[in-house]
Protein backbone atom coordinates (compact mmCIF):
# COMPACT_ATOMS: atom_id res chain seq x y z
CA MET A 1 -25.16 -28.22 -1.71
CA ASN A 2 -27.43 -27.92 0.86
CA ARG A 3 -27.95 -24.11 2.93
CA THR A 4 -26.62 -25.64 6.59
CA VAL A 5 -23.15 -26.39 4.77
CA ARG A 6 -22.76 -23.41 2.63
CA VAL A 7 -23.44 -21.69 6.01
CA MET A 8 -20.84 -23.70 7.52
CA LEU A 9 -18.16 -23.44 4.94
CA ALA A 10 -18.72 -19.72 4.89
CA LEU A 11 -17.80 -19.49 8.87
CA VAL A 12 -15.03 -21.33 8.66
CA SER A 13 -13.60 -19.00 5.85
CA LEU A 14 -14.74 -15.92 8.22
CA ALA A 15 -12.82 -17.20 10.94
CA ALA A 16 -9.54 -18.05 8.49
CA LEU A 17 -9.53 -14.71 7.51
CA ALA A 18 -9.33 -13.14 11.36
CA VAL A 19 -6.13 -14.40 11.86
CA TRP A 20 -5.35 -12.33 9.22
CA MET A 21 -7.97 -8.99 9.35
CA PRO A 22 -7.35 -7.66 13.36
CA ALA A 23 -4.09 -6.37 12.30
CA ALA A 24 -3.30 -6.58 8.69
CA ALA A 25 -6.98 -5.55 7.69
CA PHE A 26 -6.96 -2.47 9.44
CA GLY A 27 -3.31 -0.93 9.51
CA ALA A 28 -3.09 -1.86 12.85
CA ALA A 29 -0.07 -1.41 14.90
CA ALA A 30 0.68 -5.09 15.23
CA GLU A 31 1.35 -4.53 11.88
CA ALA A 32 4.69 -3.62 12.89
CA PRO A 33 7.73 -5.68 13.69
CA ALA A 34 8.75 -6.57 17.19
CA ALA A 35 11.36 -4.23 18.77
CA GLY A 36 14.63 -5.41 18.09
CA GLY A 37 13.71 -7.99 15.69
CA PRO A 38 13.63 -8.40 11.75
CA GLY A 39 12.69 -5.49 9.46
CA ALA A 40 12.11 -3.40 13.08
CA LEU A 41 12.69 0.73 13.17
CA PRO A 42 15.97 1.84 16.06
CA ALA A 43 14.64 2.65 19.48
CA GLY A 44 13.31 5.79 19.35
CA HIS A 45 12.53 6.20 15.58
CA PRO A 46 9.11 7.58 14.54
CA PRO A 47 6.86 5.35 12.67
CA MET A 48 6.99 4.14 8.90
CA PRO A 49 5.88 7.52 7.15
CA LYS A 50 3.65 8.18 4.10
CA GLY A 51 3.79 5.39 1.74
CA HIS A 52 6.87 3.56 2.94
CA PRO A 53 6.92 -0.24 2.77
CA PRO A 54 8.05 -1.97 6.16
CA LEU A 55 11.04 -3.93 5.76
CA PRO A 56 11.18 -7.01 4.39
CA THR A 57 11.68 -10.06 6.88
CA GLY A 58 15.55 -10.48 7.43
CA GLN A 59 16.28 -7.24 6.88
CA PRO A 60 18.41 -5.33 9.82
CA PRO A 61 17.29 -2.53 11.43
CA MET A 62 16.30 0.40 9.70
CA GLY A 63 20.27 2.53 9.66
CA GLU A 64 22.02 -0.37 10.36
CA VAL A 65 23.74 -2.05 7.17
CA PRO A 66 26.42 -4.81 7.93
CA SER A 67 29.51 -4.09 6.12
CA MET A 68 27.85 -1.44 3.72
CA PRO A 69 30.00 1.93 3.98
CA PRO A 70 28.43 5.11 3.85
CA ASP A 71 30.02 6.14 0.47
CA ALA A 72 28.69 2.56 -1.30
CA LYS A 73 27.31 2.78 -4.56
CA GLY A 74 24.59 0.49 -6.60
CA ALA A 75 23.10 -0.38 -9.85
CA LEU A 76 19.58 -0.52 -11.58
CA VAL A 77 18.19 -1.96 -14.58
CA VAL A 78 14.79 -0.42 -15.26
CA GLN A 79 12.80 -2.09 -18.45
CA ALA A 80 9.72 -1.51 -19.77
CA VAL A 81 7.47 -4.15 -21.32
CA GLN A 82 5.20 -4.12 -24.12
CA GLY A 83 1.43 -5.71 -22.30
CA THR A 84 -0.62 -4.78 -25.46
CA ARG A 85 -1.11 -7.71 -27.31
CA GLY A 86 0.59 -6.77 -30.88
CA GLY A 87 1.83 -3.40 -30.22
CA PRO A 88 4.89 -1.96 -31.20
CA ALA A 89 8.13 -2.87 -29.44
CA VAL A 90 8.85 -0.38 -26.41
CA GLY A 91 11.60 2.40 -27.41
CA ALA A 92 13.41 5.69 -25.69
CA ASP A 93 9.88 6.52 -22.91
CA PRO A 94 10.29 9.30 -20.68
CA VAL A 95 11.38 7.33 -17.10
CA VAL A 96 11.76 9.07 -13.83
CA VAL A 97 13.54 6.68 -10.90
CA GLU A 98 13.52 7.89 -7.21
CA LEU A 99 15.56 6.12 -4.39
CA VAL A 100 13.06 6.57 -1.18
CA CYS A 101 14.72 5.86 2.36
CA GLY A 102 12.52 6.56 5.88
CA GLY A 103 9.85 8.01 3.99
CA GLU A 104 12.16 10.46 2.06
CA VAL A 105 13.18 10.67 -1.35
CA VAL A 106 16.97 10.94 -1.44
CA LYS A 107 17.94 11.00 -4.82
CA LYS A 108 15.59 11.86 -8.49
CA ILE A 109 16.98 10.71 -11.85
CA GLU A 110 14.64 11.57 -14.42
CA THR A 111 16.05 10.05 -18.11
CA LYS A 112 14.77 8.15 -21.01
CA LEU A 113 14.98 4.56 -22.15
CA ASN A 114 17.15 3.48 -24.89
CA ALA A 115 16.01 1.97 -28.24
CA LYS A 116 15.31 -1.17 -26.63
CA GLY A 117 13.17 -0.08 -23.49
CA GLU A 118 15.94 -0.24 -20.81
CA VAL A 119 18.36 2.04 -18.85
CA ILE A 120 20.93 1.20 -17.07
CA LEU A 121 21.55 3.43 -13.58
CA GLU A 122 25.17 3.47 -11.93
CA ASN A 123 26.80 5.02 -9.05
CA LEU A 124 23.54 4.81 -6.84
CA PRO A 125 23.80 5.49 -3.51
CA VAL A 126 23.07 2.42 -1.30
CA GLY A 127 24.96 3.63 1.76
CA GLN A 128 21.70 3.79 3.48
CA ILE A 129 18.74 1.17 2.91
CA VAL A 130 16.83 2.56 -0.24
CA GLN A 131 14.06 1.16 -2.32
CA PRO A 132 13.63 2.23 -6.40
CA VAL A 133 10.59 3.29 -7.38
CA ALA A 134 10.70 4.01 -11.74
CA ARG A 135 7.70 5.21 -13.17
CA VAL A 136 7.64 5.58 -16.73
CA ARG A 137 5.28 7.20 -19.36
CA HIS A 138 4.27 5.45 -22.58
CA GLY A 139 1.24 6.86 -24.57
CA GLY A 140 0.37 9.93 -22.60
CA ALA A 141 0.06 7.30 -19.17
CA ASP A 142 2.70 6.48 -16.34
CA TYR A 143 2.81 3.26 -14.96
CA GLN A 144 5.03 2.48 -11.97
CA ALA A 145 6.76 -0.57 -10.76
CA VAL A 146 8.70 -0.49 -7.54
CA GLY A 147 11.98 -2.66 -6.81
CA ASP A 148 13.81 -4.50 -4.06
CA ILE A 149 15.73 -2.83 -1.01
CA MET A 150 19.35 -1.74 -2.97
CA HIS A 151 22.52 -3.23 -1.64
CA ALA A 152 25.95 -2.44 -3.59
CA GLY A 153 27.25 -4.62 -5.82
CA PRO A 154 26.43 -5.32 -10.07
CA PRO A 155 23.58 -3.99 -11.78
CA ASP A 156 21.42 -7.52 -10.40
CA GLN A 157 18.49 -5.70 -9.97
CA ARG A 158 15.65 -5.24 -12.49
CA ILE A 159 12.29 -3.95 -12.34
CA THR A 160 9.87 -4.53 -14.98
CA VAL A 161 7.24 -1.92 -15.90
CA VAL A 162 4.58 -3.22 -17.41
CA VAL A 163 3.42 -0.40 -19.66
CA TYR A 164 0.24 -0.67 -22.69
CA GLU A 165 -0.92 0.93 -25.64
CA SER A 166 -3.84 3.69 -24.86
CA THR A 167 -7.13 4.50 -25.69
CA GLU A 168 -9.82 7.40 -24.86
CA GLU A 169 -12.51 5.24 -25.34
CA ALA A 170 -13.95 4.33 -21.66
CA PRO A 171 -14.39 0.19 -21.23
CA ALA A 172 -16.95 -1.30 -19.70
CA TRP A 173 -15.13 -1.68 -16.82
CA VAL A 174 -16.91 -3.14 -13.42
CA ILE A 175 -16.11 -3.73 -9.55
CA ARG A 176 -15.93 -7.10 -9.41
CA THR A 177 -16.01 -7.59 -5.68
CA ARG A 178 -15.18 -4.32 -2.98
CA HIS A 179 -15.21 -4.98 0.38
CA VAL A 180 -15.63 -2.41 3.67
CA PHE A 181 -13.83 -3.44 6.79
CA VAL A 182 -14.68 -1.22 10.05
CA ARG A 183 -13.29 -0.56 12.90
CA ARG A 184 -13.47 1.20 16.23
CA THR A 185 -10.56 3.07 17.08
CA GLY A 186 -9.30 6.08 19.67
CA GLU A 187 -10.26 8.43 16.50
CA GLY A 188 -13.58 7.38 15.49
CA LEU A 189 -14.30 4.57 12.69
CA TYR A 190 -11.59 3.34 10.83
CA VAL A 191 -12.95 2.36 7.15
CA LYS A 192 -10.72 0.08 5.09
CA GLU A 193 -11.88 -0.70 1.95
CA MET A 194 -10.37 -2.94 -1.10
CA MET A 195 -11.45 -3.05 -4.54
CA ILE A 196 -11.26 -5.33 -7.38
CA VAL A 197 -11.48 -4.07 -10.90
CA GLU A 198 -11.29 -5.39 -13.77
CA SER A 199 -11.40 -4.26 -17.57
CA PRO A 200 -11.46 -5.95 -20.75
CA THR A 201 -9.88 -4.10 -23.09
CA ASP A 202 -6.13 -4.73 -23.75
CA ARG A 203 -5.49 -1.23 -23.94
CA ALA A 204 -5.02 1.45 -21.01
CA TRP A 205 -7.58 3.95 -21.00
CA LEU A 206 -6.53 7.39 -20.26
CA GLY A 207 -9.57 8.73 -18.31
CA LYS A 208 -12.01 11.12 -18.82
CA LYS A 209 -11.52 14.56 -19.19
CA VAL A 210 -11.98 16.46 -16.06
CA ALA A 211 -11.35 20.37 -14.79
CA GLY A 212 -7.94 21.31 -14.96
CA GLY A 213 -7.36 19.39 -17.93
CA GLU A 214 -6.71 16.25 -15.94
CA ARG A 215 -7.62 12.83 -16.67
CA ALA A 216 -9.92 10.75 -14.23
CA THR A 217 -10.50 6.47 -14.08
CA LEU A 218 -11.89 6.21 -11.12
CA GLU A 219 -14.00 8.72 -9.21
CA LEU A 220 -15.42 7.56 -5.39
CA THR A 221 -17.58 10.10 -3.31
CA LEU A 222 -16.37 9.66 0.85
CA PRO A 223 -18.71 9.50 3.64
CA LYS A 224 -19.27 13.31 5.06
CA ASN A 225 -17.13 14.46 7.72
CA THR A 226 -14.57 12.02 6.39
CA GLY A 227 -10.59 12.80 8.13
CA ARG A 228 -7.65 11.86 6.87
CA VAL A 229 -7.40 9.59 4.14
CA ASP A 230 -4.86 6.83 3.71
CA PHE A 231 -3.33 5.52 0.36
CA TYR A 232 -2.34 1.45 0.24
CA VAL A 233 -2.46 -0.05 -2.92
CA GLY A 234 -3.29 1.41 -6.62
CA LEU A 235 -3.42 5.05 -5.43
CA TYR A 236 -0.15 7.27 -5.94
CA GLN A 237 0.69 10.36 -4.58
CA GLY A 238 0.36 13.09 -7.62
CA LEU A 239 -1.37 10.90 -9.30
CA THR A 240 -4.52 10.86 -6.79
CA GLU A 241 -6.52 13.73 -5.79
CA LEU A 242 -9.01 14.69 -2.93
CA LYS A 243 -11.21 17.29 -3.68
CA ASP A 244 -14.53 17.76 -2.09
CA ARG A 245 -14.90 14.16 -0.78
CA GLN A 246 -14.41 13.18 -4.02
CA LEU A 247 -11.19 10.05 -3.96
CA ILE A 248 -10.02 10.95 -7.86
CA ASN A 249 -7.65 8.67 -9.68
CA HIS A 250 -5.93 10.56 -12.26
CA MET A 251 -3.81 7.07 -13.49
CA ALA A 252 -4.84 5.19 -16.47
CA LEU A 253 -6.94 2.10 -15.76
CA PRO A 254 -4.56 -0.60 -17.30
CA PRO A 255 -6.66 -4.07 -18.75
CA GLY A 256 -7.67 -6.65 -16.84
CA THR A 257 -7.93 -6.90 -12.87
CA SER A 258 -6.59 -3.87 -10.90
CA LYS A 259 -6.44 -3.56 -6.96
CA TYR A 260 -7.20 -0.90 -5.20
CA GLN A 261 -6.98 -0.27 -1.70
CA PHE A 262 -7.15 2.74 0.65
CA GLY A 263 -8.30 3.93 4.17
CA TYR A 264 -10.37 6.59 6.11
CA VAL A 265 -11.22 8.22 9.53
CA VAL A 266 -14.84 8.77 10.08
CA PRO A 267 -15.74 10.88 13.43
CA ILE A 268 -18.09 9.78 15.78
CA GLU A 269 -19.97 12.77 17.31
CA GLY A 270 -22.60 12.05 20.03
CA GLY A 271 -22.30 8.48 19.92
CA LYS A 272 -23.41 8.21 16.64
CA ALA A 273 -21.35 8.06 13.13
CA GLY A 274 -22.64 7.64 9.20
CA ILE A 275 -20.77 5.65 6.28
CA GLU A 276 -22.31 6.04 2.92
CA ILE A 277 -20.86 3.77 0.35
CA ALA A 278 -21.49 5.10 -2.75
CA ILE A 279 -21.15 2.98 -6.14
CA PRO A 280 -19.06 4.95 -9.09
CA ALA A 281 -19.62 1.33 -11.78
CA ASP A 282 -21.77 -1.93 -11.84
CA THR A 283 -20.63 -3.92 -8.97
CA ASP A 284 -20.89 -7.28 -8.91
CA GLN A 285 -20.30 -7.82 -5.05
CA LEU A 286 -20.60 -5.79 -1.67
CA VAL A 287 -19.46 -6.91 1.39
CA LEU A 288 -19.41 -4.83 4.58
CA LEU A 289 -17.94 -6.07 8.06
CA LEU A 290 -19.24 -4.20 10.92
CA PRO A 291 -18.02 -4.53 14.71
CA ASP A 292 -20.76 -6.56 16.56
CA ASP A 293 -19.94 -3.93 19.85
CA GLY A 294 -23.39 -3.37 21.22
CA ALA A 295 -24.16 -0.42 19.05
CA LYS A 296 -27.21 -0.36 17.32
CA ALA A 297 -26.36 -0.41 13.05
CA SER A 298 -29.29 1.14 10.75
CA VAL A 299 -28.20 -0.57 7.10
CA THR A 300 -30.08 0.36 4.27
CA GLY A 301 -28.76 -1.31 0.64
CA LEU A 302 -27.03 -4.09 2.18
CA SER A 303 -29.04 -7.26 3.21
CA GLY A 304 -27.81 -9.68 6.22
CA GLY A 305 -26.48 -8.39 9.66
CA GLU A 306 -25.64 -12.01 11.08
CA THR A 307 -23.24 -12.07 13.38
CA VAL A 308 -19.60 -13.78 12.78
CA GLU A 309 -17.07 -15.05 14.72
CA MET A 310 -13.82 -13.63 13.39
CA GLY A 311 -11.34 -14.95 16.03
CA PRO A 312 -11.45 -13.15 19.19
CA GLN A 313 -13.82 -10.45 17.08
CA LYS A 314 -17.69 -10.55 16.42
CA MET A 315 -18.46 -8.86 13.24
CA ARG A 316 -21.76 -8.55 11.65
CA LEU A 317 -21.78 -9.89 8.21
CA TYR A 318 -23.71 -7.46 5.66
CA LYS A 319 -23.85 -7.84 1.55
CA ALA A 320 -25.45 -7.16 -1.64
CA GLU A 321 -24.91 -8.26 -5.22
CA LYS A 322 -25.42 -6.71 -9.07
CA LEU A 323 -25.10 -3.24 -7.93
CA LYS A 324 -25.43 -0.53 -10.58
CA ALA A 325 -23.57 3.11 -10.69
CA GLY A 326 -25.25 5.38 -9.01
CA GLN A 327 -26.77 3.17 -6.44
CA LYS A 328 -25.18 3.53 -2.55
CA ALA A 329 -25.13 1.59 0.66
CA VAL A 330 -26.00 3.82 3.73
CA VAL A 331 -24.80 2.85 6.79
CA ALA A 332 -26.28 4.53 10.74
CA LEU A 333 -24.68 3.66 13.65
CA SER A 334 -25.73 4.72 17.28
CA GLY A 335 -24.97 3.98 20.91
CA LEU A 336 -21.31 4.00 20.21
CA LYS A 337 -19.44 4.45 23.33
CA SER A 338 -15.40 5.35 23.27
CA ALA A 339 -13.42 3.38 22.49
CA ALA A 340 -10.00 4.70 23.41
CA ALA A 341 -9.43 2.30 26.11
CA THR A 342 -10.11 -0.78 24.20
CA THR A 343 -8.76 -0.29 20.83
CA THR A 344 -5.76 -0.25 18.73
CA PRO A 345 -5.69 3.54 16.71
CA ALA A 346 -5.58 3.53 12.96
CA PRO A 347 -2.01 3.85 11.06
CA LYS A 348 -1.19 7.45 10.99
CA PRO A 349 1.92 8.24 8.83
CA LYS A 350 4.47 10.66 10.58
CA ASP A 351 3.57 14.45 10.27
CA GLY A 352 5.92 16.61 7.86
CA THR A 353 7.27 14.03 5.63
CA SER A 354 7.46 15.35 1.73
CA ALA A 355 5.52 14.06 -0.18
CA LEU A 356 6.13 11.09 -2.78
CA PRO A 357 4.63 8.51 -5.01
CA GLN A 358 3.20 5.76 -2.78
CA THR A 359 6.39 2.93 -2.23
CA LEU A 360 4.56 -0.81 -1.70
CA ALA A 361 6.35 -4.13 -1.91
CA ALA A 362 5.02 -6.73 -3.44
CA VAL A 363 1.08 -7.42 -2.52
CA GLY A 364 -0.14 -10.83 -3.01
CA GLY A 365 -3.36 -12.59 -2.41
CA GLY A 366 -6.42 -14.62 -3.66
CA VAL A 367 -10.38 -14.65 -3.44
CA ILE A 368 -11.84 -17.35 -1.11
CA VAL A 369 -15.52 -17.97 -2.71
CA VAL A 370 -17.69 -20.01 -0.44
CA GLY A 371 -21.70 -19.99 -0.73
CA GLY A 372 -21.46 -17.47 -3.25
CA LEU A 373 -19.59 -15.01 -0.45
CA GLY A 374 -16.06 -14.06 -1.80
CA VAL A 375 -14.00 -13.30 1.06
CA VAL A 376 -10.48 -11.26 -0.21
CA CYS A 377 -7.70 -12.14 1.99
CA PHE A 378 -5.12 -9.64 0.54
CA LYS A 379 -1.45 -9.55 2.50
CA TRP A 380 -1.35 -5.99 3.69
CA LEU A 381 1.30 -6.48 5.92
CA LYS A 382 3.69 -5.39 3.18
CA SER A 383 2.10 -2.00 2.76
CA SER A 384 1.87 1.00 4.78
CA PRO A 385 -0.65 4.10 3.83
CA ARG A 386 -0.03 7.93 2.85
CA SER A 387 -2.15 10.10 3.70
CA SER A 388 -4.03 13.00 2.81
């Protein structure tokens, strides 16, 4: 395939991504359902707070549960299954189930699985819309899964939590692809990252030991002066820490492929802003997309910079391949003008909500690879951020 055809195909793929990216890639307000439509919040209700997923399509507006009395009860089955080939059957592991409504934990149940690795929970309060979050501790590691919105009835909803045998030995994990999308907002720059990590073993790595007796499997250095940080996928409250610009994931790294999605605000000062992308592990591919809005960009550690059309928006595309742990890419922007009148604010969960594990609906997606350029197209519309 000659270069011209490859470039054309890449541009076509990027144009297709633009249908998704302006709203979903940056968590813009376009993610919110239309007022009064399916999954809409009632009039005057604050935005979805800290990690609560938007209501699935077809659900009634929050607070409206037809034919469901306030004292309605439901039931739930939680089952843990062994993910390590040849591993022992899962038995009486500890499990915590939380029912989340409007970003708040309305009921928390701490119990154990039975000898078959499951537990049936009955008489759960479902008179309001609740979503269950199940966390199983197995072999020194926590594994979490999220169920669907619960309704009154028999235990016909089942949450399956895949667990693995654990190891202290660090695997040769790599970052297969990392995509960094930058958007102007009223707060400054909003940077949203997607990472696909691969661990070649069949066991979950507990992580290296860090201060305080904790474990760490992923450590990312965020840019200087980083403001709010939002966790979308793969990073959970109580299992992720922000310390001295370090984003530290304490959750075990499972075998195979793991996805991480997070965003953060970088302030603009005097028309200037900088983003430093640190590489924590060997990385097959790094892609950066910057708005082509007239600002001057100086980028080191990445090549490219050509303008691509992404729907109504023009973006500058940079990329690098086969990066080694410890390398970094540096972006310096200058000539940034006020964007308050032309941009949509990045997502900002309601203040004052209680801390809880980030709850996420199922996230689907895939990777389009054209001419050596992989474009990750995840459906982020079903996740909402939890801020730190």
